[in-house]
N, C-alpha and C. Protein backbone atom coordinates (compact mmCIF):
# COMPACT_ATOMS: atom_id res chain seq x y z
N MET A 1 78.41 46.66 -40.96
CA MET A 1 77.71 46.22 -39.77
C MET A 1 78.43 45.03 -39.13
N LYS A 2 79.54 44.61 -39.69
CA LYS A 2 80.25 43.46 -39.11
C LYS A 2 80.77 43.79 -37.73
N GLY A 3 80.73 42.79 -36.85
CA GLY A 3 81.26 42.94 -35.52
C GLY A 3 80.28 43.47 -34.49
N LYS A 4 79.05 43.72 -34.87
CA LYS A 4 78.04 44.20 -33.92
C LYS A 4 77.62 43.04 -33.03
N GLU A 5 77.58 43.28 -31.72
CA GLU A 5 77.19 42.24 -30.77
C GLU A 5 75.71 42.35 -30.45
N PHE A 6 75.07 41.20 -30.37
CA PHE A 6 73.67 41.12 -29.98
C PHE A 6 73.53 40.07 -28.90
N TYR A 7 72.68 40.34 -27.92
CA TYR A 7 72.40 39.39 -26.86
C TYR A 7 71.18 38.57 -27.24
N VAL A 8 71.25 37.27 -26.98
CA VAL A 8 70.13 36.38 -27.26
C VAL A 8 69.59 35.88 -25.92
N VAL A 9 68.32 36.16 -25.66
CA VAL A 9 67.65 35.65 -24.47
C VAL A 9 67.08 34.29 -24.85
N ILE A 10 67.42 33.28 -24.06
CA ILE A 10 67.03 31.90 -24.39
C ILE A 10 66.09 31.36 -23.33
N GLU A 11 65.01 30.75 -23.81
CA GLU A 11 64.06 30.05 -22.94
C GLU A 11 63.84 28.66 -23.51
N ARG A 12 63.29 27.76 -22.70
CA ARG A 12 62.94 26.42 -23.18
C ARG A 12 61.47 26.21 -22.90
N ASP A 13 60.72 25.80 -23.93
CA ASP A 13 59.28 25.62 -23.74
C ASP A 13 58.96 24.24 -23.16
N GLU A 14 57.67 23.99 -22.99
CA GLU A 14 57.24 22.74 -22.35
C GLU A 14 57.57 21.49 -23.17
N ASP A 15 57.85 21.68 -24.47
CA ASP A 15 58.22 20.54 -25.32
C ASP A 15 59.74 20.35 -25.41
N GLY A 16 60.50 21.20 -24.71
CA GLY A 16 61.95 21.09 -24.72
C GLY A 16 62.62 21.85 -25.85
N VAL A 17 61.86 22.63 -26.61
CA VAL A 17 62.41 23.41 -27.71
C VAL A 17 62.99 24.71 -27.15
N TYR A 18 64.19 25.07 -27.61
CA TYR A 18 64.82 26.31 -27.19
C TYR A 18 64.33 27.45 -28.06
N ILE A 19 63.97 28.55 -27.41
CA ILE A 19 63.46 29.73 -28.11
C ILE A 19 64.38 30.90 -27.78
N GLY A 20 64.82 31.60 -28.80
CA GLY A 20 65.72 32.74 -28.60
C GLY A 20 65.12 34.01 -29.15
N GLU A 21 65.44 35.11 -28.49
CA GLU A 21 64.97 36.42 -28.93
C GLU A 21 66.08 37.44 -28.72
N VAL A 22 66.21 38.37 -29.65
CA VAL A 22 67.17 39.46 -29.53
C VAL A 22 66.40 40.71 -29.11
N PRO A 23 66.54 41.13 -27.85
CA PRO A 23 65.77 42.29 -27.38
C PRO A 23 66.09 43.58 -28.13
N GLN A 24 67.28 43.67 -28.69
CA GLN A 24 67.71 44.88 -29.39
C GLN A 24 67.04 45.05 -30.76
N LEU A 25 66.51 43.98 -31.31
CA LEU A 25 65.91 44.01 -32.64
C LEU A 25 64.46 43.56 -32.56
N ARG A 26 63.57 44.41 -33.01
CA ARG A 26 62.14 44.10 -32.95
C ARG A 26 61.81 42.86 -33.80
N ALA A 27 61.03 41.96 -33.22
CA ALA A 27 60.53 40.75 -33.90
C ALA A 27 61.66 39.88 -34.43
N CYS A 28 62.73 39.79 -33.65
CA CYS A 28 63.87 38.97 -34.06
C CYS A 28 63.97 37.78 -33.11
N TYR A 29 63.42 36.66 -33.55
CA TYR A 29 63.41 35.47 -32.71
C TYR A 29 63.44 34.21 -33.56
N SER A 30 63.83 33.09 -32.95
CA SER A 30 63.87 31.81 -33.65
C SER A 30 63.83 30.70 -32.61
N GLN A 31 63.94 29.47 -33.07
CA GLN A 31 63.92 28.32 -32.17
C GLN A 31 64.82 27.23 -32.70
N GLY A 32 65.09 26.25 -31.84
CA GLY A 32 65.90 25.10 -32.23
C GLY A 32 65.76 23.98 -31.22
N ASP A 33 66.05 22.76 -31.66
CA ASP A 33 65.95 21.60 -30.77
C ASP A 33 67.11 21.54 -29.78
N THR A 34 68.24 22.17 -30.14
CA THR A 34 69.40 22.27 -29.25
C THR A 34 69.84 23.73 -29.20
N ILE A 35 70.67 24.07 -28.24
CA ILE A 35 71.17 25.44 -28.17
C ILE A 35 72.05 25.74 -29.38
N ASP A 36 72.84 24.76 -29.83
CA ASP A 36 73.67 24.97 -31.01
C ASP A 36 72.81 25.27 -32.24
N GLU A 37 71.74 24.50 -32.42
CA GLU A 37 70.84 24.73 -33.54
C GLU A 37 70.17 26.09 -33.41
N LEU A 38 69.74 26.43 -32.20
CA LEU A 38 69.13 27.73 -31.97
C LEU A 38 70.08 28.85 -32.36
N MET A 39 71.33 28.77 -31.95
CA MET A 39 72.28 29.85 -32.24
C MET A 39 72.56 29.98 -33.73
N LEU A 40 72.60 28.87 -34.45
CA LEU A 40 72.73 28.94 -35.91
C LEU A 40 71.52 29.64 -36.53
N ASN A 41 70.34 29.27 -36.05
CA ASN A 41 69.11 29.90 -36.55
C ASN A 41 69.07 31.37 -36.18
N MET A 42 69.54 31.71 -34.98
CA MET A 42 69.55 33.11 -34.55
C MET A 42 70.48 33.95 -35.42
N ARG A 43 71.62 33.41 -35.78
CA ARG A 43 72.55 34.14 -36.64
C ARG A 43 71.87 34.48 -37.97
N GLU A 44 71.16 33.52 -38.52
CA GLU A 44 70.45 33.74 -39.79
C GLU A 44 69.36 34.81 -39.65
N VAL A 45 68.56 34.71 -38.58
CA VAL A 45 67.46 35.65 -38.41
C VAL A 45 67.97 37.05 -38.08
N ILE A 46 69.07 37.15 -37.36
CA ILE A 46 69.66 38.47 -37.10
C ILE A 46 70.10 39.11 -38.41
N GLU A 47 70.74 38.34 -39.27
CA GLU A 47 71.15 38.87 -40.57
C GLU A 47 69.95 39.36 -41.38
N ILE A 48 68.85 38.60 -41.34
CA ILE A 48 67.63 39.00 -42.04
C ILE A 48 67.07 40.28 -41.44
N CYS A 49 67.02 40.34 -40.13
CA CYS A 49 66.50 41.55 -39.46
C CYS A 49 67.34 42.77 -39.81
N LEU A 50 68.65 42.61 -39.85
CA LEU A 50 69.52 43.74 -40.16
C LEU A 50 69.33 44.21 -41.60
N GLU A 51 69.11 43.28 -42.53
CA GLU A 51 68.87 43.65 -43.93
C GLU A 51 67.59 44.46 -44.08
N GLU A 52 66.59 44.17 -43.24
CA GLU A 52 65.30 44.83 -43.35
C GLU A 52 65.26 46.20 -42.67
N LEU A 53 66.26 46.48 -41.83
CA LEU A 53 66.27 47.76 -41.14
C LEU A 53 66.68 48.87 -42.10
N ALA A 54 65.89 49.92 -42.16
CA ALA A 54 66.22 51.06 -43.00
C ALA A 54 67.34 51.88 -42.37
N GLU A 55 67.33 51.97 -41.06
CA GLU A 55 68.34 52.73 -40.33
C GLU A 55 68.93 51.82 -39.26
N GLU A 56 70.11 52.18 -38.82
CA GLU A 56 70.74 51.42 -37.74
C GLU A 56 70.24 51.96 -36.41
N THR A 57 69.02 51.59 -36.07
CA THR A 57 68.45 52.02 -34.80
C THR A 57 68.23 50.80 -33.92
N PHE A 58 69.03 50.70 -32.91
CA PHE A 58 68.96 49.57 -32.00
C PHE A 58 68.73 50.10 -30.59
N THR A 59 68.00 49.34 -29.81
CA THR A 59 67.91 49.69 -28.40
C THR A 59 69.15 49.13 -27.71
N GLU A 60 69.47 49.63 -26.57
CA GLU A 60 70.62 49.16 -25.82
C GLU A 60 70.17 48.10 -24.82
N PHE A 61 70.75 46.92 -24.91
CA PHE A 61 70.43 45.85 -23.97
C PHE A 61 71.13 46.15 -22.66
N ILE A 62 70.38 46.21 -21.57
CA ILE A 62 70.93 46.53 -20.26
C ILE A 62 71.17 45.27 -19.44
N GLY A 63 70.23 44.37 -19.44
CA GLY A 63 70.41 43.14 -18.67
C GLY A 63 69.08 42.51 -18.34
N VAL A 64 69.13 41.48 -17.51
CA VAL A 64 67.95 40.75 -17.09
C VAL A 64 67.90 40.80 -15.57
N GLN A 65 66.75 41.06 -15.03
CA GLN A 65 66.55 41.09 -13.59
C GLN A 65 65.49 40.06 -13.22
N LYS A 66 65.66 39.44 -12.09
CA LYS A 66 64.68 38.48 -11.58
C LYS A 66 63.79 39.20 -10.56
N LEU A 67 62.51 39.05 -10.70
CA LEU A 67 61.54 39.66 -9.79
C LEU A 67 60.60 38.58 -9.30
N VAL A 68 60.53 38.40 -8.01
CA VAL A 68 59.64 37.41 -7.41
C VAL A 68 58.37 38.13 -6.96
N VAL A 69 57.22 37.63 -7.41
CA VAL A 69 55.92 38.25 -7.07
C VAL A 69 55.10 37.25 -6.30
C-alpha cells in the first residue's frame, strides 16, 4: 500500500484548532494546533484506517466546489 496518495480537507474551528478529514476513507479524521501537527496526526490516522480495511476499497476524490446559497 506504500505510495498511495490521499487528500486531506482542512478546516479551522472557532478555537483555532485545525481539523483534517480524508474523504476517501470513511471516519478518517484528526486535529492539531498547527497544520504541521495536523498532518503528522493525519499520517498516523490514515495508517490506522488502512490497517482496519478488509479490502482496498477507496472512493475517488474529485475535488472541492464552492457553492453560494
